[in-house]
Amino acid sequence: MSDVPGAGGPPPRRADARRNAGNVLEAAAAVFVTSGVDAPIREIAARAGVGTATIYRHYPTRADLIVAVYRSQVQSLSEAGPALLATEPGPHRALAKWIDQFVDFVITKQGLASVLQSGESCYDPLHDYFLEHLVPVCTRLLQAAAEAGEIAPGQDPYELMRGVGGICAGAPAGKGTRYDVRHLVRLLVNGLRSVPAGVSAGS
């Protein structure tokens, strides 16, 4: 094996190339929500401020781009949990902010639903990737809030995330409808708070 750094593998991407790739993923996520996964690549390129050739250089096929968007958002959520615990004034506040970011992910995931459920083998590992990265983060947030006495103990992280997903899925299509996803999710997260001794849950 060569002792020369980078020998035998691709050279490190320049900072601008990494930045372009990140911009493409953010732009693609936004376009998939508003225009669907079949949106023209030029629409994503225009939003990202790059040429279409840049997108194809990083992501040769649309499937490559879709997988990269999904994995990037999961990774961002995975990193956000510990960061919020370290910076927010309390673990329940950190949990609430993380769940708000999780809503953004779920909305993007709904934009990808048609392809993620298409049966193509390249998408098969994504659900396991989601579980492996996000269930432990949600578990840590719930445990921290419970240990601080801010929420009732024994909450199931997968159940909570499924509940948030169900609220997002229930949003009717079109604007002007009286269905505020984020308001309902906040009610759900606030409902995790511990009930003081001697006070019934329904009071």
N, C-alpha and C. Protein backbone atom coordinates (compact mmCIF):
# COMPACT_ATOMS: atom_id res chain seq x y z
N MET A 1 0.85 -1.21 0.00
CA MET A 1 0.00 0.00 0.00
C MET A 1 0.88 1.24 0.00
N SER A 2 0.56 2.20 -0.83
CA SER A 2 1.36 3.42 -0.93
C SER A 2 1.17 4.29 0.29
N ASP A 3 2.25 4.98 0.69
CA ASP A 3 2.19 5.91 1.80
C ASP A 3 1.78 7.31 1.35
N VAL A 4 1.60 7.49 0.05
CA VAL A 4 1.25 8.81 -0.46
C VAL A 4 -0.22 9.06 -0.16
N PRO A 5 -0.57 10.16 0.55
CA PRO A 5 -1.96 10.44 0.87
C PRO A 5 -2.82 10.49 -0.38
N GLY A 6 -3.93 9.74 -0.34
CA GLY A 6 -4.87 9.77 -1.45
C GLY A 6 -4.52 8.83 -2.57
N ALA A 7 -3.34 8.15 -2.49
CA ALA A 7 -2.95 7.25 -3.57
C ALA A 7 -3.91 6.08 -3.62
N GLY A 8 -4.25 5.68 -4.84
CA GLY A 8 -5.12 4.54 -5.00
C GLY A 8 -6.60 4.88 -4.89
N GLY A 9 -6.94 6.13 -4.66
CA GLY A 9 -8.33 6.53 -4.54
C GLY A 9 -8.54 7.88 -5.19
N PRO A 10 -9.79 8.29 -5.24
CA PRO A 10 -10.07 9.60 -5.87
C PRO A 10 -9.50 10.73 -5.05
N PRO A 11 -9.03 11.79 -5.69
CA PRO A 11 -8.50 12.93 -4.95
C PRO A 11 -9.60 13.61 -4.16
N PRO A 12 -9.24 14.25 -3.04
CA PRO A 12 -10.27 14.95 -2.25
C PRO A 12 -10.96 16.03 -3.09
N ARG A 13 -12.26 16.14 -2.93
CA ARG A 13 -12.96 17.17 -3.68
C ARG A 13 -12.63 18.54 -3.12
N ARG A 14 -12.49 19.50 -4.00
CA ARG A 14 -12.23 20.86 -3.57
C ARG A 14 -13.42 21.39 -2.79
N ALA A 15 -13.17 22.42 -2.00
CA ALA A 15 -14.22 23.00 -1.17
C ALA A 15 -15.40 23.47 -2.01
N ASP A 16 -15.10 24.07 -3.19
CA ASP A 16 -16.20 24.56 -4.02
C ASP A 16 -17.01 23.42 -4.59
N ALA A 17 -16.36 22.30 -4.88
CA ALA A 17 -17.09 21.13 -5.39
C ALA A 17 -18.01 20.57 -4.32
N ARG A 18 -17.51 20.50 -3.07
CA ARG A 18 -18.36 20.01 -1.97
C ARG A 18 -19.53 20.96 -1.74
N ARG A 19 -19.25 22.25 -1.85
CA ARG A 19 -20.31 23.24 -1.66
C ARG A 19 -21.36 23.10 -2.75
N ASN A 20 -20.93 22.92 -3.99
CA ASN A 20 -21.87 22.74 -5.09
C ASN A 20 -22.73 21.51 -4.89
N ALA A 21 -22.10 20.42 -4.43
CA ALA A 21 -22.86 19.19 -4.20
C ALA A 21 -23.91 19.41 -3.12
N GLY A 22 -23.54 20.13 -2.06
CA GLY A 22 -24.50 20.42 -1.00
C GLY A 22 -25.64 21.29 -1.49
N ASN A 23 -25.32 22.30 -2.30
CA ASN A 23 -26.35 23.17 -2.86
C ASN A 23 -27.32 22.39 -3.74
N VAL A 24 -26.77 21.45 -4.50
CA VAL A 24 -27.62 20.63 -5.37
C VAL A 24 -28.60 19.81 -4.55
N LEU A 25 -28.13 19.21 -3.46
CA LEU A 25 -29.01 18.38 -2.64
C LEU A 25 -30.12 19.21 -1.99
N GLU A 26 -29.76 20.40 -1.50
CA GLU A 26 -30.78 21.27 -0.90
C GLU A 26 -31.79 21.71 -1.97
N ALA A 27 -31.30 22.06 -3.13
CA ALA A 27 -32.20 22.49 -4.20
C ALA A 27 -33.10 21.35 -4.66
N ALA A 28 -32.51 20.16 -4.80
CA ALA A 28 -33.29 19.01 -5.25
C ALA A 28 -34.39 18.67 -4.24
N ALA A 29 -34.06 18.73 -2.95
CA ALA A 29 -35.06 18.43 -1.92
C ALA A 29 -36.24 19.40 -2.05
N ALA A 30 -35.96 20.68 -2.23
CA ALA A 30 -37.02 21.69 -2.34
C ALA A 30 -37.84 21.48 -3.62
N VAL A 31 -37.17 21.19 -4.71
CA VAL A 31 -37.88 21.01 -5.99
C VAL A 31 -38.73 19.74 -5.96
N PHE A 32 -38.23 18.68 -5.34
CA PHE A 32 -39.00 17.44 -5.27
C PHE A 32 -40.32 17.65 -4.53
N VAL A 33 -40.31 18.52 -3.51
CA VAL A 33 -41.54 18.79 -2.76
C VAL A 33 -42.54 19.56 -3.60
N THR A 34 -42.06 20.58 -4.32
CA THR A 34 -42.98 21.46 -5.05
C THR A 34 -43.33 20.94 -6.44
N SER A 35 -42.37 20.24 -7.10
CA SER A 35 -42.58 19.86 -8.50
C SER A 35 -42.54 18.36 -8.74
N GLY A 36 -42.25 17.57 -7.69
CA GLY A 36 -42.19 16.13 -7.86
C GLY A 36 -40.82 15.65 -8.29
N VAL A 37 -40.61 14.35 -8.18
CA VAL A 37 -39.28 13.79 -8.47
C VAL A 37 -38.96 13.78 -9.96
N ASP A 38 -39.95 14.01 -10.80
CA ASP A 38 -39.71 14.03 -12.25
C ASP A 38 -39.44 15.44 -12.76
N ALA A 39 -39.25 16.38 -11.84
CA ALA A 39 -38.96 17.76 -12.25
C ALA A 39 -37.71 17.79 -13.12
N PRO A 40 -37.66 18.70 -14.09
CA PRO A 40 -36.48 18.79 -14.96
C PRO A 40 -35.22 19.09 -14.14
N ILE A 41 -34.14 18.45 -14.52
CA ILE A 41 -32.86 18.68 -13.85
C ILE A 41 -32.46 20.15 -13.95
N ARG A 42 -32.82 20.80 -15.05
CA ARG A 42 -32.46 22.22 -15.21
C ARG A 42 -33.13 23.07 -14.14
N GLU A 43 -34.31 22.66 -13.64
CA GLU A 43 -34.98 23.41 -12.58
C GLU A 43 -34.17 23.32 -11.28
N ILE A 44 -33.65 22.13 -11.01
CA ILE A 44 -32.83 21.94 -9.82
C ILE A 44 -31.52 22.72 -9.97
N ALA A 45 -30.93 22.65 -11.15
CA ALA A 45 -29.67 23.36 -11.40
C ALA A 45 -29.84 24.86 -11.21
N ALA A 46 -30.94 25.40 -11.74
CA ALA A 46 -31.18 26.85 -11.61
C ALA A 46 -31.33 27.24 -10.15
N ARG A 47 -32.03 26.43 -9.38
CA ARG A 47 -32.23 26.74 -7.96
C ARG A 47 -30.92 26.65 -7.19
N ALA A 48 -30.06 25.71 -7.59
CA ALA A 48 -28.78 25.52 -6.91
C ALA A 48 -27.71 26.49 -7.38
N GLY A 49 -27.95 27.17 -8.50
CA GLY A 49 -26.97 28.10 -9.04
C GLY A 49 -25.79 27.41 -9.70
N VAL A 50 -26.06 26.25 -10.30
CA VAL A 50 -25.01 25.51 -11.00
C VAL A 50 -25.53 25.10 -12.37
N GLY A 51 -24.64 24.58 -13.19
CA GLY A 51 -25.05 24.06 -14.49
C GLY A 51 -25.53 22.63 -14.38
N THR A 52 -26.31 22.18 -15.35
CA THR A 52 -26.79 20.80 -15.31
C THR A 52 -25.63 19.80 -15.35
N ALA A 53 -24.54 20.18 -16.01
CA ALA A 53 -23.39 19.27 -16.09
C ALA A 53 -22.83 18.99 -14.70
N THR A 54 -22.90 19.98 -13.81
CA THR A 54 -22.42 19.78 -12.44
C THR A 54 -23.25 18.73 -11.73
N ILE A 55 -24.55 18.77 -11.93
CA ILE A 55 -25.42 17.79 -11.29
C ILE A 55 -25.09 16.39 -11.82
N TYR A 56 -24.99 16.26 -13.13
CA TYR A 56 -24.72 14.93 -13.70
C TYR A 56 -23.34 14.43 -13.33
N ARG A 57 -22.41 15.34 -13.08
CA ARG A 57 -21.07 14.91 -12.67
C ARG A 57 -21.11 14.29 -11.28
N HIS A 58 -21.90 14.87 -10.38
CA HIS A 58 -22.01 14.33 -9.03
C HIS A 58 -22.99 13.17 -8.95
N TYR A 59 -24.09 13.27 -9.71
CA TYR A 59 -25.17 12.29 -9.61
C TYR A 59 -25.58 11.89 -11.04
N PRO A 60 -24.93 10.86 -11.58
CA PRO A 60 -25.14 10.50 -12.99
C PRO A 60 -26.58 10.15 -13.35
N THR A 61 -27.34 9.59 -12.40
CA THR A 61 -28.73 9.23 -12.68
C THR A 61 -29.65 9.93 -11.68
N ARG A 62 -30.92 10.00 -12.04
CA ARG A 62 -31.90 10.60 -11.13
C ARG A 62 -31.99 9.79 -9.84
N ALA A 63 -31.87 8.47 -9.96
CA ALA A 63 -31.90 7.62 -8.76
C ALA A 63 -30.75 7.96 -7.82
N ASP A 64 -29.56 8.22 -8.38
CA ASP A 64 -28.41 8.62 -7.56
C ASP A 64 -28.72 9.90 -6.79
N LEU A 65 -29.38 10.83 -7.45
CA LEU A 65 -29.72 12.11 -6.82
C LEU A 65 -30.75 11.91 -5.71
N ILE A 66 -31.77 11.10 -5.97
CA ILE A 66 -32.82 10.85 -4.98
C ILE A 66 -32.25 10.18 -3.74
N VAL A 67 -31.42 9.17 -3.94
CA VAL A 67 -30.79 8.48 -2.80
C VAL A 67 -29.93 9.45 -2.01
N ALA A 68 -29.17 10.29 -2.72
CA ALA A 68 -28.29 11.25 -2.04
C ALA A 68 -29.09 12.27 -1.23
N VAL A 69 -30.22 12.74 -1.78
CA VAL A 69 -31.07 13.68 -1.04
C VAL A 69 -31.58 13.04 0.24
N TYR A 70 -32.08 11.84 0.13
CA TYR A 70 -32.63 11.13 1.29
C TYR A 70 -31.56 10.94 2.37
N ARG A 71 -30.41 10.41 1.96
CA ARG A 71 -29.35 10.12 2.92
C ARG A 71 -28.80 11.41 3.54
N SER A 72 -28.70 12.47 2.75
CA SER A 72 -28.19 13.73 3.27
C SER A 72 -29.11 14.29 4.34
N GLN A 73 -30.41 14.22 4.11
CA GLN A 73 -31.35 14.75 5.09
C GLN A 73 -31.37 13.91 6.37
N VAL A 74 -31.25 12.59 6.22
CA VAL A 74 -31.16 11.74 7.41
C VAL A 74 -29.90 12.07 8.20
N GLN A 75 -28.79 12.25 7.51
CA GLN A 75 -27.53 12.56 8.17
C GLN A 75 -27.61 13.89 8.90
N SER A 76 -28.22 14.88 8.27
CA SER A 76 -28.37 16.20 8.91
C SER A 76 -29.20 16.10 10.18
N LEU A 77 -30.28 15.32 10.14
CA LEU A 77 -31.11 15.12 11.32
C LEU A 77 -30.35 14.39 12.41
N SER A 78 -29.55 13.42 12.01
CA SER A 78 -28.76 12.66 12.97
C SER A 78 -27.78 13.56 13.71
N GLU A 79 -27.18 14.49 13.00
CA GLU A 79 -26.22 15.41 13.61
C GLU A 79 -26.91 16.51 14.42
N ALA A 80 -28.15 16.84 14.03
CA ALA A 80 -28.85 17.94 14.69
C ALA A 80 -29.24 17.60 16.12
N GLY A 81 -29.57 16.34 16.39
CA GLY A 81 -30.03 15.98 17.72
C GLY A 81 -29.03 16.33 18.82
N PRO A 82 -27.82 15.79 18.77
CA PRO A 82 -26.82 16.13 19.79
C PRO A 82 -26.51 17.62 19.85
N ALA A 83 -26.48 18.28 18.68
CA ALA A 83 -26.18 19.72 18.66
C ALA A 83 -27.27 20.51 19.39
N LEU A 84 -28.52 20.15 19.18
CA LEU A 84 -29.62 20.84 19.86
C LEU A 84 -29.58 20.59 21.37
N LEU A 85 -29.26 19.37 21.77
CA LEU A 85 -29.15 19.08 23.20
C LEU A 85 -28.07 19.93 23.86
N ALA A 86 -27.02 20.22 23.11
CA ALA A 86 -25.90 20.98 23.66
C ALA A 86 -26.17 22.49 23.68
N THR A 87 -27.10 22.96 22.87
CA THR A 87 -27.26 24.41 22.73
C THR A 87 -28.61 24.95 23.23
N GLU A 88 -29.63 24.12 23.26
CA GLU A 88 -30.95 24.59 23.68
C GLU A 88 -31.04 24.65 25.21
N PRO A 89 -31.92 25.51 25.76
CA PRO A 89 -31.99 25.68 27.21
C PRO A 89 -32.51 24.46 27.97
N GLY A 90 -33.15 23.55 27.30
CA GLY A 90 -33.64 22.34 27.96
C GLY A 90 -33.87 21.24 26.96
N PRO A 91 -33.87 19.97 27.38
CA PRO A 91 -34.02 18.86 26.43
C PRO A 91 -35.38 18.81 25.75
N HIS A 92 -36.45 19.25 26.43
CA HIS A 92 -37.74 19.26 25.74
C HIS A 92 -37.73 20.26 24.60
N ARG A 93 -37.11 21.41 24.83
CA ARG A 93 -36.97 22.41 23.75
C ARG A 93 -36.14 21.83 22.61
N ALA A 94 -35.08 21.11 22.94
CA ALA A 94 -34.25 20.47 21.91
C ALA A 94 -35.07 19.45 21.13
N LEU A 95 -35.88 18.66 21.85
CA LEU A 95 -36.73 17.67 21.20
C LEU A 95 -37.71 18.35 20.26
N ALA A 96 -38.35 19.43 20.72
CA ALA A 96 -39.34 20.13 19.90
C ALA A 96 -38.70 20.67 18.62
N LYS A 97 -37.50 21.24 18.74
CA LYS A 97 -36.83 21.79 17.55
C LYS A 97 -36.41 20.67 16.60
N TRP A 98 -35.97 19.54 17.18
CA TRP A 98 -35.57 18.42 16.33
C TRP A 98 -36.77 17.85 15.58
N ILE A 99 -37.90 17.74 16.27
CA ILE A 99 -39.10 17.23 15.62
C ILE A 99 -39.55 18.18 14.52
N ASP A 100 -39.36 19.47 14.71
CA ASP A 100 -39.71 20.44 13.66
C ASP A 100 -38.85 20.20 12.42
N GLN A 101 -37.58 19.89 12.62
CA GLN A 101 -36.72 19.56 11.49
C GLN A 101 -37.12 18.21 10.88
N PHE A 102 -37.58 17.30 11.72
CA PHE A 102 -38.05 16.00 11.24
C PHE A 102 -39.27 16.19 10.33
N VAL A 103 -40.12 17.16 10.65
CA VAL A 103 -41.27 17.45 9.79
C VAL A 103 -40.79 17.84 8.39
N ASP A 104 -39.74 18.66 8.31
CA ASP A 104 -39.19 19.03 7.00
C ASP A 104 -38.76 17.79 6.23
N PHE A 105 -38.12 16.86 6.93
CA PHE A 105 -37.68 15.61 6.29
C PHE A 105 -38.88 14.81 5.80
N VAL A 106 -39.91 14.69 6.63
CA VAL A 106 -41.08 13.90 6.25
C VAL A 106 -41.76 14.50 5.02
N ILE A 107 -41.83 15.83 4.97
CA ILE A 107 -42.46 16.49 3.82
C ILE A 107 -41.68 16.18 2.55
N THR A 108 -40.33 16.22 2.65
CA THR A 108 -39.51 15.86 1.49
C THR A 108 -39.72 14.39 1.13
N LYS A 109 -39.78 13.54 2.14
CA LYS A 109 -39.97 12.10 1.91
C LYS A 109 -41.30 11.84 1.20
N GLN A 110 -42.32 12.61 1.54
CA GLN A 110 -43.59 12.46 0.84
C GLN A 110 -43.46 12.84 -0.63
N GLY A 111 -42.61 13.84 -0.90
CA GLY A 111 -42.37 14.21 -2.29
C GLY A 111 -41.66 13.10 -3.06
N LEU A 112 -40.94 12.23 -2.33
CA LEU A 112 -40.21 11.13 -2.96
C LEU A 112 -40.99 9.82 -2.91
N ALA A 113 -42.20 9.85 -2.34
CA ALA A 113 -42.91 8.61 -2.04
C ALA A 113 -43.09 7.70 -3.25
N SER A 114 -43.40 8.28 -4.40
CA SER A 114 -43.69 7.46 -5.57
C SER A 114 -42.50 6.62 -6.00
N VAL A 115 -41.29 7.18 -5.87
CA VAL A 115 -40.12 6.40 -6.27
C VAL A 115 -39.63 5.50 -5.15
N LEU A 116 -39.74 5.96 -3.90
CA LEU A 116 -39.28 5.13 -2.79
C LEU A 116 -40.10 3.85 -2.68
N GLN A 117 -41.33 3.88 -3.17
CA GLN A 117 -42.21 2.72 -3.13
C GLN A 117 -42.31 2.02 -4.49
N SER A 118 -41.38 2.35 -5.38
CA SER A 118 -41.46 1.83 -6.75
C SER A 118 -40.99 0.40 -6.88
N GLY A 119 -40.30 -0.12 -5.85
CA GLY A 119 -39.78 -1.48 -5.93
C GLY A 119 -38.39 -1.57 -6.51
N GLU A 120 -37.81 -0.44 -6.90
CA GLU A 120 -36.44 -0.47 -7.42
C GLU A 120 -35.47 -0.77 -6.28
N SER A 121 -34.56 -1.70 -6.53
CA SER A 121 -33.69 -2.22 -5.47
C SER A 121 -32.76 -1.16 -4.88
N CYS A 122 -32.45 -0.11 -5.64
CA CYS A 122 -31.52 0.91 -5.12
C CYS A 122 -32.11 1.66 -3.94
N TYR A 123 -33.44 1.63 -3.79
CA TYR A 123 -34.07 2.34 -2.69
C TYR A 123 -34.31 1.45 -1.46
N ASP A 124 -34.10 0.15 -1.61
CA ASP A 124 -34.41 -0.79 -0.53
C ASP A 124 -33.68 -0.48 0.78
N PRO A 125 -32.39 -0.11 0.74
CA PRO A 125 -31.68 0.10 2.02
C PRO A 125 -32.05 1.38 2.75
N LEU A 126 -32.84 2.26 2.14
CA LEU A 126 -33.04 3.59 2.72
C LEU A 126 -33.86 3.54 4.01
N HIS A 127 -34.84 2.65 4.09
CA HIS A 127 -35.64 2.59 5.32
C HIS A 127 -34.78 2.15 6.49
N ASP A 128 -33.93 1.15 6.27
CA ASP A 128 -33.03 0.71 7.35
C ASP A 128 -32.06 1.83 7.72
N TYR A 129 -31.59 2.58 6.72
CA TYR A 129 -30.69 3.71 6.98
C TYR A 129 -31.39 4.74 7.87
N PHE A 130 -32.65 5.00 7.59
CA PHE A 130 -33.46 5.91 8.39
C PHE A 130 -33.56 5.41 9.83
N LEU A 131 -33.90 4.15 10.02
CA LEU A 131 -34.07 3.61 11.37
C LEU A 131 -32.76 3.62 12.14
N GLU A 132 -31.68 3.20 11.49
CA GLU A 132 -30.38 3.08 12.17
C GLU A 132 -29.86 4.43 12.63
N HIS A 133 -30.16 5.48 11.89
CA HIS A 133 -29.61 6.79 12.21
C HIS A 133 -30.53 7.65 13.08
N LEU A 134 -31.84 7.54 12.89
CA LEU A 134 -32.74 8.48 13.56
C LEU A 134 -33.40 7.94 14.81
N VAL A 135 -33.67 6.66 14.88
CA VAL A 135 -34.28 6.13 16.11
C VAL A 135 -33.36 6.36 17.32
N PRO A 136 -32.04 6.10 17.22
CA PRO A 136 -31.17 6.37 18.38
C PRO A 136 -31.14 7.86 18.77
N VAL A 137 -31.21 8.75 17.79
CA VAL A 137 -31.20 10.19 18.10
C VAL A 137 -32.46 10.58 18.83
N CYS A 138 -33.60 10.13 18.33
CA CYS A 138 -34.87 10.45 19.00
C CYS A 138 -34.90 9.82 20.39
N THR A 139 -34.35 8.61 20.52
CA THR A 139 -34.29 7.95 21.83
C THR A 139 -33.50 8.80 22.82
N ARG A 140 -32.36 9.30 22.37
CA ARG A 140 -31.51 10.12 23.25
C ARG A 140 -32.23 11.39 23.67
N LEU A 141 -32.93 12.04 22.75
CA LEU A 141 -33.66 13.26 23.08
C LEU A 141 -34.78 12.98 24.09
N LEU A 142 -35.51 11.90 23.88
CA LEU A 142 -36.59 11.55 24.79
C LEU A 142 -36.06 11.19 26.18
N GLN A 143 -34.97 10.44 26.21
CA GLN A 143 -34.38 10.05 27.49
C GLN A 143 -33.88 11.27 28.26
N ALA A 144 -33.24 12.20 27.54
CA ALA A 144 -32.74 13.41 28.20
C ALA A 144 -33.88 14.22 28.78
N ALA A 145 -34.97 14.34 28.03
CA ALA A 145 -36.12 15.10 28.53
C ALA A 145 -36.78 14.40 29.72
N ALA A 146 -36.82 13.08 29.68
CA ALA A 146 -37.40 12.33 30.79
C ALA A 146 -36.53 12.44 32.03
N GLU A 147 -35.22 12.34 31.87
CA GLU A 147 -34.30 12.44 33.01
C GLU A 147 -34.35 13.83 33.64
N ALA A 148 -34.66 14.84 32.83
CA ALA A 148 -34.78 16.21 33.35
C ALA A 148 -36.15 16.46 33.97
N GLY A 149 -37.03 15.47 33.91
CA GLY A 149 -38.37 15.62 34.45
C GLY A 149 -39.29 16.47 33.59
N GLU A 150 -38.92 16.66 32.32
CA GLU A 150 -39.70 17.53 31.45
C GLU A 150 -40.79 16.78 30.70
N ILE A 151 -40.63 15.48 30.51
CA ILE A 151 -41.67 14.68 29.88
C ILE A 151 -41.87 13.40 30.68
N ALA A 152 -42.99 12.76 30.46
CA ALA A 152 -43.25 11.48 31.11
C ALA A 152 -42.28 10.44 30.55
N PRO A 153 -41.72 9.59 31.38
CA PRO A 153 -40.77 8.58 30.90
C PRO A 153 -41.46 7.48 30.10
N GLY A 154 -40.65 6.69 29.42
CA GLY A 154 -41.16 5.51 28.73
C GLY A 154 -41.73 5.76 27.35
N GLN A 155 -41.39 6.89 26.74
CA GLN A 155 -41.92 7.18 25.40
C GLN A 155 -41.18 6.37 24.34
N ASP A 156 -41.91 5.93 23.33
CA ASP A 156 -41.35 5.12 22.26
C ASP A 156 -40.95 6.03 21.10
N PRO A 157 -39.66 6.11 20.77
CA PRO A 157 -39.23 7.04 19.70
C PRO A 157 -39.82 6.70 18.34
N TYR A 158 -39.89 5.43 18.03
CA TYR A 158 -40.44 5.04 16.72
C TYR A 158 -41.92 5.41 16.64
N GLU A 159 -42.65 5.20 17.73
CA GLU A 159 -44.06 5.56 17.77
C GLU A 159 -44.24 7.06 17.58
N LEU A 160 -43.38 7.85 18.23
CA LEU A 160 -43.46 9.30 18.09
C LEU A 160 -43.22 9.72 16.65
N MET A 161 -42.18 9.18 16.02
CA MET A 161 -41.88 9.55 14.65
C MET A 161 -42.96 9.10 13.69
N ARG A 162 -43.54 7.92 13.94
CA ARG A 162 -44.66 7.46 13.12
C ARG A 162 -45.87 8.38 13.30
N GLY A 163 -46.08 8.84 14.53
CA GLY A 163 -47.18 9.76 14.78
C GLY A 163 -47.01 11.07 14.03
N VAL A 164 -45.80 11.60 14.06
CA VAL A 164 -45.53 12.84 13.31
C VAL A 164 -45.73 12.60 11.82
N GLY A 165 -45.26 11.47 11.34
CA GLY A 165 -45.45 11.14 9.93
C GLY A 165 -46.92 11.05 9.56
N GLY A 166 -47.73 10.48 10.47
CA GLY A 166 -49.16 10.39 10.21
C GLY A 166 -49.83 11.75 10.15
N ILE A 167 -49.40 12.66 11.02
CA ILE A 167 -49.95 14.02 10.99
C ILE A 167 -49.60 14.69 9.66
N CYS A 168 -48.37 14.53 9.24
CA CYS A 168 -47.95 15.14 7.97
C CYS A 168 -48.72 14.53 6.79
N ALA A 169 -48.92 13.22 6.84
CA ALA A 169 -49.62 12.55 5.74
C ALA A 169 -51.08 12.96 5.67
N GLY A 170 -51.64 13.40 6.81
CA GLY A 170 -53.05 13.78 6.84
C GLY A 170 -53.34 15.14 6.27
N ALA A 171 -52.29 15.90 5.95
CA ALA A 171 -52.50 17.26 5.41
C ALA A 171 -53.15 17.17 4.04
N PRO A 172 -54.30 17.82 3.83
CA PRO A 172 -54.94 17.78 2.51
C PRO A 172 -54.15 18.57 1.48
N ALA A 173 -54.30 18.18 0.24
CA ALA A 173 -53.60 18.88 -0.84
C ALA A 173 -54.19 20.27 -1.03
N GLY A 174 -53.37 21.17 -1.49
CA GLY A 174 -53.84 22.52 -1.78
C GLY A 174 -53.68 23.45 -0.60
N LYS A 175 -53.70 24.72 -0.88
CA LYS A 175 -53.55 25.73 0.15
C LYS A 175 -54.92 26.21 0.62
N GLY A 176 -54.91 26.90 1.75
CA GLY A 176 -56.14 27.46 2.25
C GLY A 176 -56.96 26.52 3.11
N THR A 177 -56.45 25.32 3.33
CA THR A 177 -57.17 24.36 4.16
C THR A 177 -56.82 24.61 5.63
N ARG A 178 -57.77 24.32 6.51
CA ARG A 178 -57.56 24.57 7.94
C ARG A 178 -56.91 23.33 8.56
N TYR A 179 -55.66 23.13 8.20
CA TYR A 179 -54.90 21.99 8.72
C TYR A 179 -53.45 22.42 8.83
N ASP A 180 -53.02 22.78 10.03
CA ASP A 180 -51.67 23.30 10.25
C ASP A 180 -50.82 22.18 10.82
N VAL A 181 -50.00 21.59 9.97
CA VAL A 181 -49.18 20.44 10.38
C VAL A 181 -48.30 20.78 11.57
N ARG A 182 -47.60 21.90 11.50
CA ARG A 182 -46.65 22.23 12.57
C ARG A 182 -47.37 22.51 13.89
N HIS A 183 -48.54 23.12 13.81
CA HIS A 183 -49.31 23.36 15.03
C HIS A 183 -49.71 22.03 15.67
N LEU A 184 -50.17 21.09 14.88
CA LEU A 184 -50.59 19.80 15.41
C LEU A 184 -49.40 19.01 15.96
N VAL A 185 -48.26 19.11 15.30
CA VAL A 185 -47.07 18.42 15.80
C VAL A 185 -46.62 19.03 17.12
N ARG A 186 -46.70 20.35 17.23
CA ARG A 186 -46.35 20.99 18.51
C ARG A 186 -47.27 20.51 19.63
N LEU A 187 -48.57 20.36 19.33
CA LEU A 187 -49.50 19.83 20.33
C LEU A 187 -49.08 18.43 20.77
N LEU A 188 -48.65 17.63 19.80
CA LEU A 188 -48.21 16.26 20.12
C LEU A 188 -46.99 16.28 21.02
N VAL A 189 -46.00 17.08 20.67
CA VAL A 189 -44.76 17.12 21.45
C VAL A 189 -45.02 17.72 22.83
N ASN A 190 -45.84 18.74 22.91
CA ASN A 190 -46.17 19.32 24.22
C ASN A 190 -46.95 18.33 25.07
N GLY A 191 -47.69 17.44 24.42
CA GLY A 191 -48.44 16.44 25.16
C GLY A 191 -47.57 15.41 25.85
N LEU A 192 -46.28 15.38 25.52
CA LEU A 192 -45.36 14.46 26.19
C LEU A 192 -44.95 14.97 27.57
N ARG A 193 -45.23 16.21 27.85
CA ARG A 193 -44.78 16.80 29.11
C ARG A 193 -45.38 16.05 30.30
N SER A 194 -44.58 15.97 31.37
CA SER A 194 -45.03 15.29 32.58
C SER A 194 -46.20 16.02 33.20
N VAL A 195 -47.17 15.29 33.72
CA VAL A 195 -48.31 15.87 34.42
C VAL A 195 -47.96 15.96 35.90
N PRO A 196 -48.05 17.15 36.52
CA PRO A 196 -47.71 17.28 37.94
C PRO A 196 -48.53 16.33 38.81
N ALA A 197 -47.93 15.87 39.88
CA ALA A 197 -48.60 14.95 40.79
C ALA A 197 -49.89 15.56 41.29
N GLY A 198 -50.95 14.76 41.33
CA GLY A 198 -52.23 15.22 41.83
C GLY A 198 -53.10 15.90 40.81
N VAL A 199 -52.58 16.03 39.55
CA VAL A 199 -53.37 16.66 38.50
C VAL A 199 -53.68 15.61 37.46
N SER A 200 -54.94 15.45 37.14
CA SER A 200 -55.33 14.44 36.15
C SER A 200 -54.98 14.93 34.76
N ALA A 201 -54.72 13.97 33.85
CA ALA A 201 -54.32 14.34 32.48
C ALA A 201 -55.38 15.11 31.75
N GLY A 202 -56.63 14.95 32.15
CA GLY A 202 -57.69 15.62 31.42
C GLY A 202 -58.08 16.94 32.03
N SER A 203 -57.42 17.36 33.11
CA SER A 203 -57.83 18.61 33.76
C SER A 203 -57.15 19.80 33.12
